[in-house]
Amino acid sequence: MIKKEQETFDKKKKARFPCPIIPESFLVIPNLDEKDKENAVVRLVAYKHQLDDIIKVMRKNGFAARTFIYNQEKWQEEKKQREILR
């Protein structure tokens, strides 16, 4: 049983990229409220299959990490709905 788990772990380890976050994707969004200087919104772009690992690490280090997966078709549908509501 331990051997199977070790093999599974080794396969996952080989599938990982050396850097799961895409280089130069780090962006700090400026805070509009000057009273709140302790908090910030930060955008990171990561590979989809490594997302869970990144979120675990971020939360372990005290960050409130959230996922956002862009879907162009869904965005187009929502855009049409917004135009209808206007």
C-alpha atoms as a PDB file:
ATOM      1  CA  MET A   1       0.000   0.000   0.000  1.00  0.00           C
ATOM      2  CA  ILE A   2       2.803   2.408   0.873  1.00  0.00           C
ATOM      3  CA  LYS A   3       4.554   1.548  -2.376  1.00  0.00           C
ATOM      4  CA  LYS A   4       1.447   2.532  -4.413  1.00  0.00           C
ATOM      5  CA  GLU A   5       1.177   5.830  -2.565  1.00  0.00           C
ATOM      6  CA  GLN A   6       4.857   6.529  -3.136  1.00  0.00           C
ATOM      7  CA  GLU A   7       4.484   5.807  -6.858  1.00  0.00           C
ATOM      8  CA  THR A   8       1.457   8.104  -7.059  1.00  0.00           C
ATOM      9  CA  PHE A   9       3.377  10.828  -5.237  1.00  0.00           C
ATOM     10  CA  ASP A  10       6.359  10.444  -7.562  1.00  0.00           C
ATOM     11  CA  LYS A  11       4.121  10.737 -10.646  1.00  0.00           C
ATOM     12  CA  LYS A  12       2.511  13.902  -9.299  1.00  0.00           C
ATOM     13  CA  LYS A  13       5.911  15.310  -8.392  1.00  0.00           C
ATOM     14  CA  LYS A  14       7.234  14.764 -11.926  1.00  0.00           C
ATOM     15  CA  ALA A  15       4.134  16.443 -13.410  1.00  0.00           C
ATOM     16  CA  ARG A  16       4.734  19.637 -11.460  1.00  0.00           C
ATOM     17  CA  PHE A  17       6.376  22.620 -13.045  1.00  0.00           C
ATOM     18  CA  PRO A  18       9.383  24.169 -11.326  1.00  0.00           C
ATOM     19  CA  CYS A  19       7.407  27.422 -11.022  1.00  0.00           C
ATOM     20  CA  PRO A  20       3.610  26.969 -10.861  1.00  0.00           C
ATOM     21  CA  ILE A  21       2.974  30.732 -11.005  1.00  0.00           C
ATOM     22  CA  ILE A  22       3.353  32.295 -14.429  1.00  0.00           C
ATOM     23  CA  PRO A  23       6.298  34.721 -14.426  1.00  0.00           C
ATOM     24  CA  GLU A  24       5.494  38.444 -14.437  1.00  0.00           C
ATOM     25  CA  SER A  25       1.814  37.790 -13.619  1.00  0.00           C
ATOM     26  CA  PHE A  26       2.029  39.282 -10.125  1.00  0.00           C
ATOM     27  CA  LEU A  27      -0.042  42.479 -10.001  1.00  0.00           C
ATOM     28  CA  VAL A  28      -1.007  44.550  -6.966  1.00  0.00           C
ATOM     29  CA  ILE A  29      -4.289  46.337  -7.647  1.00  0.00           C
ATOM     30  CA  PRO A  30      -4.168  49.803  -6.080  1.00  0.00           C
ATOM     31  CA  ASN A  31      -6.418  50.357  -3.079  1.00  0.00           C
ATOM     32  CA  LEU A  32      -8.932  53.164  -3.666  1.00  0.00           C
ATOM     33  CA  ASP A  33      -9.640  53.637   0.033  1.00  0.00           C
ATOM     34  CA  GLU A  34      -6.749  55.426   1.735  1.00  0.00           C
ATOM     35  CA  LYS A  35      -8.011  54.423   5.191  1.00  0.00           C
ATOM     36  CA  ASP A  36      -7.393  50.752   4.476  1.00  0.00           C
ATOM     37  CA  LYS A  37      -3.645  50.548   3.946  1.00  0.00           C
ATOM     38  CA  GLU A  38      -3.153  47.129   5.545  1.00  0.00           C
ATOM     39  CA  ASN A  39      -5.078  45.206   2.881  1.00  0.00           C
ATOM     40  CA  ALA A  40      -4.444  44.820  -0.824  1.00  0.00           C
ATOM     41  CA  VAL A  41      -5.802  42.886  -3.766  1.00  0.00           C
ATOM     42  CA  VAL A  42      -3.170  40.901  -5.618  1.00  0.00           C
ATOM     43  CA  ARG A  43      -3.559  39.000  -8.869  1.00  0.00           C
ATOM     44  CA  LEU A  44      -1.495  35.926  -9.674  1.00  0.00           C
ATOM     45  CA  VAL A  45      -1.847  33.755 -12.736  1.00  0.00           C
ATOM     46  CA  ALA A  46      -1.124  30.071 -12.245  1.00  0.00           C
ATOM     47  CA  TYR A  47      -1.391  26.847 -14.147  1.00  0.00           C
ATOM     48  CA  LYS A  48      -4.832  25.309 -13.698  1.00  0.00           C
ATOM     49  CA  HIS A  49      -3.711  21.866 -12.537  1.00  0.00           C
ATOM     50  CA  GLN A  50      -1.481  23.418  -9.847  1.00  0.00           C
ATOM     51  CA  LEU A  51      -4.147  25.777  -8.524  1.00  0.00           C
ATOM     52  CA  ASP A  52      -5.112  23.731  -5.455  1.00  0.00           C
ATOM     53  CA  ASP A  53      -1.511  23.490  -4.272  1.00  0.00           C
ATOM     54  CA  ILE A  54      -0.967  27.220  -4.673  1.00  0.00           C
ATOM     55  CA  ILE A  55      -4.134  28.080  -2.760  1.00  0.00           C
ATOM     56  CA  LYS A  56      -3.159  25.747   0.089  1.00  0.00           C
ATOM     57  CA  VAL A  57       0.243  27.424   0.372  1.00  0.00           C
ATOM     58  CA  MET A  58      -1.253  30.915   0.213  1.00  0.00           C
ATOM     59  CA  ARG A  59      -3.798  30.135   2.936  1.00  0.00           C
ATOM     60  CA  LYS A  60      -1.136  28.493   5.090  1.00  0.00           C
ATOM     61  CA  ASN A  61       0.845  31.759   4.890  1.00  0.00           C
ATOM     62  CA  GLY A  62      -2.161  33.856   5.952  1.00  0.00           C
ATOM     63  CA  PHE A  63      -3.513  35.062   2.616  1.00  0.00           C
ATOM     64  CA  ALA A  64      -7.188  34.836   1.643  1.00  0.00           C
ATOM     65  CA  ALA A  65      -6.739  33.186  -1.750  1.00  0.00           C
ATOM     66  CA  ARG A  66      -9.657  32.748  -4.145  1.00  0.00           C
ATOM     67  CA  THR A  67      -9.905  31.054  -7.515  1.00  0.00           C
ATOM     68  CA  PHE A  68     -11.158  32.629 -10.689  1.00  0.00           C
ATOM     69  CA  ILE A  69     -11.221  30.611 -13.871  1.00  0.00           C
ATOM     70  CA  TYR A  70     -11.913  32.627 -17.002  1.00  0.00           C
ATOM     71  CA  ASN A  71     -14.465  31.158 -19.377  1.00  0.00           C
ATOM     72  CA  GLN A  72     -14.922  33.214 -22.553  1.00  0.00           C
ATOM     73  CA  GLU A  73     -18.255  31.636 -23.542  1.00  0.00           C
ATOM     74  CA  LYS A  74     -19.786  32.289 -20.133  1.00  0.00           C
ATOM     75  CA  TRP A  75     -18.452  35.838 -20.165  1.00  0.00           C
ATOM     76  CA  GLN A  76     -20.052  36.474 -23.582  1.00  0.00           C
ATOM     77  CA  GLU A  77     -23.405  35.175 -22.277  1.00  0.00           C
ATOM     78  CA  GLU A  78     -23.234  37.455 -19.242  1.00  0.00           C
ATOM     79  CA  LYS A  79     -22.303  40.387 -21.492  1.00  0.00           C
ATOM     80  CA  LYS A  80     -25.417  39.785 -23.616  1.00  0.00           C
ATOM     81  CA  GLN A  81     -27.571  39.620 -20.481  1.00  0.00           C
ATOM     82  CA  ARG A  82     -26.145  42.919 -19.218  1.00  0.00           C
ATOM     83  CA  GLU A  83     -26.924  44.582 -22.562  1.00  0.00           C
ATOM     84  CA  ILE A  84     -30.519  43.272 -22.402  1.00  0.00           C
ATOM     85  CA  LEU A  85     -30.975  44.659 -18.887  1.00  0.00           C
ATOM     86  CA  ARG A  86     -29.881  48.135 -19.968  1.00  0.00           C
END
